[in-house]
Amino acid sequence: MLEIICIDDCSIDNTYEYIKNNHPTVKLFKNKNNMGPAASRNIGASYCSGEFIAFLDADDTWFSDKTKLQMALIERYGLDFIGSSFVVAKSETETNTSTCRIITTRELAFKNYFPTPSVILRKDLVRFDESMGFAEDYDLWLRLSIANCVMGFIDQPLVALGKPSFGYSGLSSNLFRMQCGELKSLSNSLKKDLVYYFAIMWSILKFLRRLVIVSFRRILS
């Protein structure tokens, strides 16, 4: 069974009314206060009746075969969690893969392979830390990996993000807070592991690179 759950986190347009009037099969809920992505996803998961759950933010787009392909791979490989790469565009690219590879904790420590809209995971694993304003998704992925969840990655895009992952308007534009969130995520899960110190250094190098990229974007815009 497929169900669609929509959490309106205090939007300022008529989204809630439009969905209510035009899509009666959608399970629609509205937060009394703006609670942010972590709390909204946890709330959505609490209303979910299925075994697996996927997330889609308002400005992102799934490719047409995303869920079908991912659920087939979950069943084939016995996965707890699966995600894919992404594009930053509205157009869909052809997907012709039927395989994925397992991502280890050490790989995940150096790169977040899983943009949230690309992910499908077991509902009982959805425990976003609501105290984190940034990188709450990466924090959960690391905690799940440490807990030996089997995490698959499809190296082909199955989702289009509405904006680049950093340096533009919205939450992703705040590079410093994003960096603090990433460092906190690494500390929460890996501080007792030697790889933690190398991951911290790599994270800082990535942050400096992002600062350079954003500076060039501003110069060229």
Protein backbone atom coordinates (compact mmCIF):
# COMPACT_ATOMS: atom_id res chain seq x y z
CA MET A 1 0.00 0.00 0.00
CA LEU A 2 1.24 3.48 -0.89
CA GLU A 3 0.23 6.42 1.28
CA ILE A 4 1.10 10.09 0.94
CA ILE A 5 1.51 12.11 4.13
CA CYS A 6 1.91 15.89 3.89
CA ILE A 7 3.17 17.96 6.82
CA ASP A 8 2.55 21.69 6.42
CA ASP A 9 5.16 23.40 8.59
CA CYS A 10 3.30 26.72 8.75
CA SER A 11 3.56 27.64 5.07
CA ILE A 12 2.45 31.19 4.21
CA ASP A 13 0.69 30.39 0.93
CA ASN A 14 -2.49 28.37 0.28
CA THR A 15 -0.76 24.99 0.04
CA TYR A 16 -2.73 23.44 2.90
CA GLU A 17 -6.10 24.53 1.51
CA TYR A 18 -5.19 23.49 -2.04
CA ILE A 19 -4.19 19.97 -1.03
CA LYS A 20 -7.19 19.63 1.28
CA ASN A 21 -9.62 20.61 -1.49
CA ASN A 22 -7.98 18.85 -4.43
CA HIS A 23 -6.25 15.74 -3.06
CA PRO A 24 -8.57 14.04 -0.56
CA THR A 25 -6.48 10.84 -0.45
CA VAL A 26 -3.46 12.70 0.96
CA LYS A 27 -3.13 12.49 4.75
CA LEU A 28 -2.69 16.16 5.56
CA PHE A 29 -1.43 17.62 8.85
CA LYS A 30 -0.48 21.16 9.82
CA ASN A 31 1.99 22.10 12.55
CA LYS A 32 0.72 24.71 15.01
CA ASN A 33 4.17 26.31 15.01
CA ASN A 34 7.08 26.20 12.59
CA MET A 35 9.03 23.20 13.85
CA GLY A 36 11.69 22.68 11.19
CA PRO A 37 12.55 19.66 9.04
CA ALA A 38 13.66 17.24 11.77
CA ALA A 39 10.45 17.53 13.81
CA SER A 40 8.24 17.57 10.71
CA ARG A 41 9.81 14.36 9.41
CA ASN A 42 9.44 12.68 12.80
CA ILE A 43 5.78 13.74 12.89
CA GLY A 44 5.21 12.42 9.38
CA ALA A 45 6.80 9.09 10.31
CA SER A 46 4.52 8.80 13.35
CA TYR A 47 1.48 8.86 11.04
CA CYS A 48 2.97 6.38 8.58
CA SER A 49 1.38 2.91 8.56
CA GLY A 50 3.86 1.26 6.19
CA GLU A 51 7.16 -0.50 6.87
CA PHE A 52 9.27 1.91 4.80
CA ILE A 53 9.16 5.67 4.40
CA ALA A 54 10.60 8.24 1.98
CA PHE A 55 10.85 12.02 2.27
CA LEU A 56 10.28 14.77 -0.29
CA ASP A 57 10.65 18.48 0.41
CA ALA A 58 8.54 21.07 -1.38
CA ASP A 59 11.24 22.25 -3.79
CA ASP A 60 12.62 18.83 -4.79
CA THR A 61 11.46 16.27 -7.38
CA TRP A 62 11.58 12.46 -7.53
CA PHE A 63 12.23 10.72 -10.83
CA SER A 64 9.31 8.62 -11.98
CA ASP A 65 10.86 5.19 -11.25
CA LYS A 66 12.59 6.13 -7.98
CA THR A 67 10.50 4.28 -5.41
CA LYS A 68 9.90 1.23 -7.61
CA LEU A 69 13.62 0.78 -8.29
CA GLN A 70 14.66 1.37 -4.69
CA MET A 71 12.09 -0.99 -3.17
CA ALA A 72 13.21 -3.74 -5.56
CA LEU A 73 16.82 -3.27 -4.40
CA ILE A 74 15.80 -3.19 -0.73
CA GLU A 75 14.16 -6.57 -1.19
CA ARG A 76 16.99 -8.02 -3.28
CA TYR A 77 19.83 -7.02 -0.94
CA GLY A 78 18.02 -7.04 2.41
CA LEU A 79 18.63 -3.33 2.98
CA ASP A 80 17.44 -1.21 5.88
CA PHE A 81 18.11 2.03 4.00
CA ILE A 82 18.80 3.12 0.43
CA GLY A 83 19.65 6.42 -1.25
CA SER A 84 21.00 7.73 -4.52
CA SER A 85 22.95 10.55 -6.09
CA PHE A 86 21.13 13.65 -7.36
CA VAL A 87 21.05 16.41 -9.94
CA VAL A 88 20.25 20.09 -9.51
CA ALA A 89 17.70 20.51 -12.25
CA LYS A 90 14.07 19.97 -13.11
CA SER A 91 14.72 17.63 -16.03
CA GLU A 92 14.82 13.87 -15.52
CA THR A 93 17.74 11.73 -16.65
CA GLU A 94 17.50 8.13 -17.77
CA THR A 95 18.04 5.54 -15.04
CA ASN A 96 19.13 2.10 -16.12
CA THR A 97 20.68 0.56 -13.02
CA SER A 98 19.51 -2.48 -11.11
CA THR A 99 22.36 -2.62 -8.59
CA CYS A 100 23.65 -0.71 -5.60
CA ARG A 101 26.65 -0.86 -3.30
CA ILE A 102 26.83 -0.92 0.48
CA ILE A 103 28.18 2.23 2.16
CA THR A 104 30.33 1.67 5.26
CA THR A 105 30.56 3.95 8.29
CA ARG A 106 34.07 5.00 7.34
CA GLU A 107 32.95 6.01 3.86
CA LEU A 108 30.02 7.94 5.31
CA ALA A 109 32.34 9.73 7.74
CA PHE A 110 34.05 11.46 4.81
CA LYS A 111 31.03 12.06 2.56
CA ASN A 112 27.28 12.31 3.00
CA TYR A 113 26.19 10.09 0.13
CA PHE A 114 22.49 10.49 0.85
CA PRO A 115 20.50 13.67 0.15
CA THR A 116 17.33 13.28 2.19
CA PRO A 117 14.89 13.27 -0.78
CA SER A 118 16.79 10.31 -2.27
CA VAL A 119 16.35 8.11 0.80
CA ILE A 120 13.98 5.26 1.61
CA LEU A 121 14.41 3.65 5.03
CA ARG A 122 12.56 1.50 7.53
CA LYS A 123 10.01 3.59 9.41
CA ASP A 124 11.24 2.44 12.81
CA LEU A 125 14.65 3.98 12.05
CA VAL A 126 13.29 7.53 11.68
CA ARG A 127 14.62 9.34 14.74
CA PHE A 128 15.87 12.75 13.63
CA ASP A 129 17.47 14.78 16.42
CA GLU A 130 15.16 17.79 16.74
CA SER A 131 17.77 19.78 18.66
CA MET A 132 19.91 20.05 15.52
CA GLY A 133 19.04 22.96 13.27
CA PHE A 134 21.41 21.80 10.53
CA ALA A 135 22.78 18.45 9.28
CA GLU A 136 20.07 16.55 11.14
CA ASP A 137 19.88 14.11 8.24
CA TYR A 138 23.63 13.38 8.23
CA ASP A 139 23.50 12.93 12.00
CA LEU A 140 20.82 10.25 11.65
CA TRP A 141 22.60 8.48 8.77
CA LEU A 142 25.79 8.23 10.85
CA ARG A 143 23.92 6.92 13.89
CA LEU A 144 22.18 4.30 11.77
CA SER A 145 25.45 3.23 10.19
CA ILE A 146 27.11 2.89 13.61
CA ALA A 147 24.13 0.73 14.63
CA ASN A 148 24.97 -1.65 11.74
CA CYS A 149 22.05 -0.75 9.50
CA VAL A 150 22.64 -1.99 5.96
CA MET A 151 22.77 1.13 3.76
CA GLY A 152 22.72 0.89 -0.02
CA PHE A 153 23.74 3.59 -2.50
CA ILE A 154 22.71 3.91 -6.16
CA ASP A 155 25.32 5.89 -8.07
CA GLN A 156 22.77 7.35 -10.46
CA PRO A 157 20.49 10.31 -9.78
CA LEU A 158 16.94 9.50 -8.77
CA VAL A 159 16.06 12.95 -7.45
CA ALA A 160 16.41 16.55 -8.59
CA LEU A 161 17.10 19.13 -5.90
CA GLY A 162 15.41 22.49 -6.28
CA LYS A 163 18.64 24.30 -5.41
CA PRO A 164 22.32 23.41 -4.89
CA SER A 165 23.13 21.78 -1.57
CA PHE A 166 24.95 24.87 -0.31
CA GLY A 167 25.40 28.55 -1.01
CA TYR A 168 21.90 29.52 -2.11
CA SER A 169 18.76 30.76 -0.35
CA GLY A 170 17.05 28.64 2.29
CA LEU A 171 18.62 26.59 5.10
CA SER A 172 21.42 25.39 2.83
CA SER A 173 22.76 28.93 2.40
CA ASN A 174 24.08 29.14 5.97
CA LEU A 175 27.47 27.56 5.49
CA PHE A 176 28.78 28.18 8.98
CA ARG A 177 25.81 26.60 10.73
CA MET A 178 25.85 23.72 8.27
CA GLN A 179 29.50 23.15 9.10
CA CYS A 180 28.82 23.21 12.83
CA GLY A 181 26.02 20.69 12.28
CA GLU A 182 28.32 18.40 10.31
CA LEU A 183 31.02 18.54 12.98
CA LYS A 184 28.46 17.84 15.70
CA SER A 185 27.15 14.86 13.70
CA LEU A 186 30.64 13.40 13.45
CA SER A 187 31.23 13.99 17.15
CA ASN A 188 27.92 12.38 18.14
CA SER A 189 28.73 9.11 16.37
CA LEU A 190 32.48 8.77 15.86
CA LYS A 191 34.33 10.56 18.65
CA LYS A 192 35.67 7.29 20.09
CA ASP A 193 36.92 6.11 16.69
CA LEU A 194 40.33 7.06 15.30
CA VAL A 195 38.70 7.85 11.95
CA TYR A 196 36.91 10.76 13.67
CA TYR A 197 40.01 12.96 13.65
CA PHE A 198 40.67 12.39 9.95
CA ALA A 199 36.99 12.98 9.17
CA ILE A 200 37.08 16.29 11.07
CA MET A 201 40.10 17.49 9.09
CA TRP A 202 38.47 16.45 5.81
CA SER A 203 35.23 18.20 6.79
CA ILE A 204 37.10 21.45 7.44
CA LEU A 205 38.85 21.21 4.06
CA LYS A 206 35.49 20.69 2.35
CA PHE A 207 34.12 23.71 4.19
CA LEU A 208 36.97 25.92 2.98
CA ARG A 209 36.37 24.70 -0.57
CA ARG A 210 32.68 25.58 -0.28
CA LEU A 211 33.56 29.08 0.91
CA VAL A 212 35.71 29.57 -2.19
CA ILE A 213 32.96 28.26 -4.50
CA VAL A 214 30.32 30.51 -2.94
CA SER A 215 32.64 33.52 -3.19
CA PHE A 216 33.15 32.90 -6.90
CA ARG A 217 29.40 32.50 -7.42
CA ARG A 218 28.81 35.89 -5.82
CA ILE A 219 31.52 37.52 -7.93
CA LEU A 220 30.11 36.07 -11.15
CA SER A 221 26.45 36.74 -10.36
